Amino acid sequence: MKIHILLADDHTILRAGLKMMLNAQPDMEVVGEAHDGRQAIQEAYRLQPDVILMDITMPDINGIEATRQIKKLLPDIKVLILTMHEHDEYVFQALRAGASGYMLKEAADTELISALHIIQSGQFFLSPTAQSVMVGDYLQRVRTGEEKDSYSCLTEREREILKLVAEGYTNNQIAERLIISPKTVDTHRTHIMDKLNLHSRAELVKYAMRRGLLEG
């Protein structure tokens, strides 16, 4: 089963290089291209690919806003941000918008194929630079007292569910896996969010990454 990929980047030469590299993989196929955010949204709806490789700086609508709109419209499509920007605000904005991964273009030749496999399997991928940004942000918040780590307040079952939610599993999938009802999963999830003072799945994923729960 091939991973169907949409390329969204305003640089024609870069798209051509990525397309050649990805189509050379036996289990990947580039099914479409977009040169700006608006076209990315239209092509995502038309082609419904598995993964979109999304640049941030594009004309008309930027990649983060395009990601937000696509995830709202088609939540099953996964988005991997592929960018030159390593600033922390971009990493956080991308995750809040619903991206499943963030990597720098300079690492595309070595990391991109494995990143796409990781994302397609339902997990998250962060380049080492993006990971450093998130850990640095966490440590800064701890130092200033903004972040009170309440992980120790979670029960074993809540920790288990936190990890599964962060890995991208739905309530029904978690229920099936743990042999409990979806309603029970939802109750646990609410308790987790309350205890950790989190307000969205994106925040929960960020928290899990900072705790190192998504490794291995």
Protein backbone atom coordinates (compact mmCIF):
# COMPACT_ATOMS: atom_id res chain seq x y z
CA MET A 1 0.00 0.00 0.00
CA LYS A 2 1.65 3.23 -1.16
CA ILE A 3 1.77 6.42 0.91
CA HIS A 4 0.15 9.09 -1.26
CA ILE A 5 1.86 12.45 -0.84
CA LEU A 6 0.96 16.03 -1.77
CA LEU A 7 3.85 18.52 -2.08
CA ALA A 8 3.07 22.12 -1.07
CA ASP A 9 5.98 24.50 -1.68
CA ASP A 10 6.40 27.63 -3.80
CA HIS A 11 9.84 26.54 -5.08
CA THR A 12 9.40 24.55 -8.31
CA ILE A 13 12.95 23.13 -8.27
CA LEU A 14 12.61 21.92 -4.68
CA ARG A 15 9.29 20.23 -5.50
CA ALA A 16 10.88 18.52 -8.49
CA GLY A 17 13.75 17.20 -6.35
CA LEU A 18 11.41 15.95 -3.62
CA LYS A 19 9.13 14.34 -6.18
CA MET A 20 12.01 12.45 -7.75
CA MET A 21 13.30 11.26 -4.38
CA LEU A 22 9.89 10.18 -3.07
CA ASN A 23 8.72 8.48 -6.27
CA ALA A 24 11.94 6.43 -6.18
CA GLN A 25 10.67 4.81 -2.98
CA PRO A 26 8.71 1.60 -3.65
CA ASP A 27 6.00 2.48 -1.11
CA MET A 28 5.56 6.20 -1.86
CA GLU A 29 3.92 8.20 -4.62
CA VAL A 30 3.60 11.96 -5.11
CA VAL A 31 0.00 12.41 -6.28
CA GLY A 32 -0.09 16.19 -6.53
CA GLU A 33 1.68 19.53 -6.08
CA ALA A 34 0.69 22.98 -4.84
CA HIS A 35 2.59 26.28 -5.13
CA ASP A 36 0.74 28.15 -2.38
CA GLY A 37 -1.43 27.53 0.68
CA ARG A 38 -4.73 28.10 -1.08
CA GLN A 39 -3.90 25.55 -3.77
CA ALA A 40 -2.70 23.14 -1.06
CA ILE A 41 -6.14 23.28 0.57
CA GLN A 42 -7.90 22.74 -2.78
CA GLU A 43 -5.63 19.85 -3.78
CA ALA A 44 -5.92 18.24 -0.35
CA TYR A 45 -9.69 18.20 -0.73
CA ARG A 46 -9.53 16.95 -4.34
CA LEU A 47 -6.84 14.27 -3.91
CA GLN A 48 -7.22 13.37 -0.20
CA PRO A 49 -3.58 12.23 0.14
CA ASP A 50 -2.20 10.38 3.16
CA VAL A 51 0.44 13.01 3.93
CA ILE A 52 1.09 16.60 2.88
CA LEU A 53 4.65 17.97 2.86
CA MET A 54 3.97 21.60 3.73
CA ASP A 55 6.28 24.60 3.52
CA ILE A 56 5.52 27.50 5.90
CA THR A 57 6.41 30.57 3.82
CA MET A 58 4.15 30.50 0.76
CA PRO A 59 2.13 33.15 -1.10
CA ASP A 60 -1.56 33.84 -0.46
CA ILE A 61 -2.06 31.53 2.56
CA ASN A 62 0.94 30.40 4.60
CA GLY A 63 1.57 26.74 5.41
CA ILE A 64 0.48 26.94 9.03
CA GLU A 65 -2.90 28.48 8.19
CA ALA A 66 -3.31 25.99 5.32
CA THR A 67 -2.56 23.14 7.77
CA ARG A 68 -5.17 24.48 10.20
CA GLN A 69 -7.84 24.63 7.48
CA ILE A 70 -6.98 21.21 6.04
CA LYS A 71 -7.05 19.50 9.46
CA LYS A 72 -10.43 21.09 10.18
CA LEU A 73 -11.80 19.91 6.83
CA LEU A 74 -10.00 16.55 6.56
CA PRO A 75 -8.68 15.50 9.99
CA ASP A 76 -7.31 12.16 8.75
CA ILE A 77 -4.75 13.78 6.44
CA LYS A 78 -1.36 14.06 8.12
CA VAL A 79 0.83 17.12 7.61
CA LEU A 80 4.62 17.23 7.84
CA ILE A 81 6.00 20.75 7.96
CA LEU A 82 9.17 20.98 5.86
CA THR A 83 10.76 24.40 6.33
CA MET A 84 13.91 26.51 6.63
CA HIS A 85 12.58 28.10 9.84
CA GLU A 86 13.80 26.78 13.16
CA HIS A 87 12.25 29.50 15.35
CA ASP A 88 10.28 28.24 18.33
CA GLU A 89 7.10 30.14 17.46
CA TYR A 90 6.83 28.27 14.17
CA VAL A 91 7.21 24.87 15.86
CA PHE A 92 4.44 25.63 18.35
CA GLN A 93 2.14 27.22 15.76
CA ALA A 94 2.55 24.21 13.48
CA LEU A 95 1.65 21.74 16.24
CA ARG A 96 -1.29 23.84 17.35
CA ALA A 97 -2.52 23.88 13.74
CA GLY A 98 -2.55 20.07 13.76
CA ALA A 99 0.74 19.13 12.05
CA SER A 100 2.09 15.64 12.78
CA GLY A 101 5.70 16.62 12.32
CA TYR A 102 8.25 19.38 11.84
CA MET A 103 11.60 19.15 10.10
CA LEU A 104 14.12 21.42 8.41
CA LYS A 105 14.69 21.31 4.65
CA GLU A 106 18.43 20.88 5.18
CA ALA A 107 17.74 17.46 6.74
CA ALA A 108 15.30 16.31 4.04
CA ASP A 109 17.84 14.14 2.23
CA THR A 110 18.62 12.07 5.34
CA GLU A 111 15.48 12.19 7.50
CA LEU A 112 12.50 12.68 5.21
CA ILE A 113 11.76 9.05 4.25
CA SER A 114 11.86 7.80 7.85
CA ALA A 115 9.84 10.84 9.00
CA LEU A 116 7.09 10.03 6.48
CA HIS A 117 6.94 6.40 7.66
CA ILE A 118 6.74 7.52 11.30
CA ILE A 119 3.92 9.99 10.57
CA GLN A 120 2.00 7.55 8.40
CA SER A 121 2.07 5.04 11.29
CA GLY A 122 0.22 7.58 13.46
CA GLN A 123 3.18 8.87 15.47
CA PHE A 124 4.73 12.32 15.59
CA PHE A 125 8.09 13.37 14.17
CA LEU A 126 10.17 16.30 15.36
CA SER A 127 13.59 17.14 14.00
CA PRO A 128 16.36 17.39 16.64
CA THR A 129 16.22 21.20 16.32
CA ALA A 130 12.48 21.27 16.99
CA GLN A 131 12.92 18.88 19.94
CA SER A 132 15.57 21.20 21.41
CA VAL A 133 13.20 24.15 21.04
CA MET A 134 10.44 22.31 22.92
CA VAL A 135 12.71 21.08 25.71
CA GLY A 136 14.18 24.58 26.06
CA ASP A 137 10.69 26.07 26.30
CA TYR A 138 9.73 23.50 28.94
CA LEU A 139 12.83 24.17 31.07
CA GLN A 140 12.25 27.90 30.84
CA ARG A 141 8.67 27.45 32.00
CA VAL A 142 9.81 25.28 34.93
CA ARG A 143 12.42 27.88 35.93
CA THR A 144 9.90 30.73 35.87
CA GLY A 145 7.29 28.64 37.71
CA GLU A 146 4.84 28.77 34.80
CA GLU A 147 4.83 25.01 34.45
CA LYS A 148 3.92 22.94 37.48
CA ASP A 149 4.61 19.35 36.49
CA SER A 150 1.63 17.29 37.63
CA TYR A 151 2.62 14.05 35.91
CA SER A 152 3.09 12.38 39.30
CA CYS A 153 -0.61 13.05 40.03
CA LEU A 154 -1.72 10.85 37.14
CA THR A 155 -2.75 7.25 37.76
CA GLU A 156 -1.04 4.43 35.82
CA ARG A 157 -4.11 4.11 33.58
CA GLU A 158 -4.16 7.88 32.93
CA ARG A 159 -0.46 7.80 31.98
CA GLU A 160 -1.18 4.92 29.61
CA ILE A 161 -4.05 6.82 27.96
CA LEU A 162 -2.03 10.07 27.80
CA LYS A 163 0.68 8.28 25.80
CA LEU A 164 -1.83 6.65 23.43
CA VAL A 165 -3.71 9.92 22.81
CA ALA A 166 -0.42 11.70 22.11
CA GLU A 167 0.55 8.95 19.65
CA GLY A 168 -2.59 9.70 17.66
CA TYR A 169 -4.96 6.90 18.71
CA THR A 170 -8.69 7.70 18.82
CA ASN A 171 -10.90 7.06 21.86
CA ASN A 172 -12.37 3.97 20.16
CA GLN A 173 -8.93 2.58 19.33
CA ILE A 174 -7.73 3.16 22.89
CA ALA A 175 -10.89 1.53 24.29
CA GLU A 176 -10.34 -1.51 22.11
CA ARG A 177 -6.70 -1.74 23.07
CA LEU A 178 -7.28 -1.42 26.82
CA ILE A 179 -10.55 -3.39 26.80
CA ILE A 180 -12.61 -0.55 28.31
CA SER A 181 -15.49 1.52 26.95
CA PRO A 182 -14.92 4.66 24.82
CA LYS A 183 -16.88 6.59 27.46
CA THR A 184 -14.38 5.49 30.13
CA VAL A 185 -11.52 6.62 27.89
CA ASP A 186 -13.21 10.00 27.47
CA THR A 187 -13.60 10.35 31.25
CA HIS A 188 -9.91 9.52 31.80
CA ARG A 189 -8.96 11.97 29.07
CA THR A 190 -10.94 14.76 30.75
CA HIS A 191 -9.24 14.02 34.08
CA ILE A 192 -5.81 14.08 32.40
CA MET A 193 -6.49 17.47 30.79
CA ASP A 194 -7.75 18.88 34.10
CA LYS A 195 -4.80 17.58 36.13
CA LEU A 196 -2.21 18.83 33.65
CA ASN A 197 -4.06 22.08 32.89
CA LEU A 198 -4.14 21.34 29.16
CA HIS A 199 -6.86 22.55 26.82
CA SER A 200 -6.35 20.81 23.48
CA ARG A 201 -4.88 17.70 21.91
CA ALA A 202 -2.02 19.80 20.50
CA GLU A 203 -1.07 20.92 24.02
CA LEU A 204 -1.32 17.31 25.22
CA VAL A 205 1.03 16.18 22.43
CA LYS A 206 3.51 18.95 23.29
CA TYR A 207 3.39 17.88 26.94
CA ALA A 208 3.98 14.22 26.03
CA MET A 209 6.94 15.18 23.83
CA ARG A 210 8.51 17.24 26.61
CA ARG A 211 8.08 14.33 29.02
CA GLY A 212 9.77 12.02 26.49
CA LEU A 213 6.67 9.80 26.28
CA LEU A 214 6.77 9.53 22.49
CA GLU A 215 10.23 8.05 22.18
CA GLY A 216 10.68 4.42 21.23
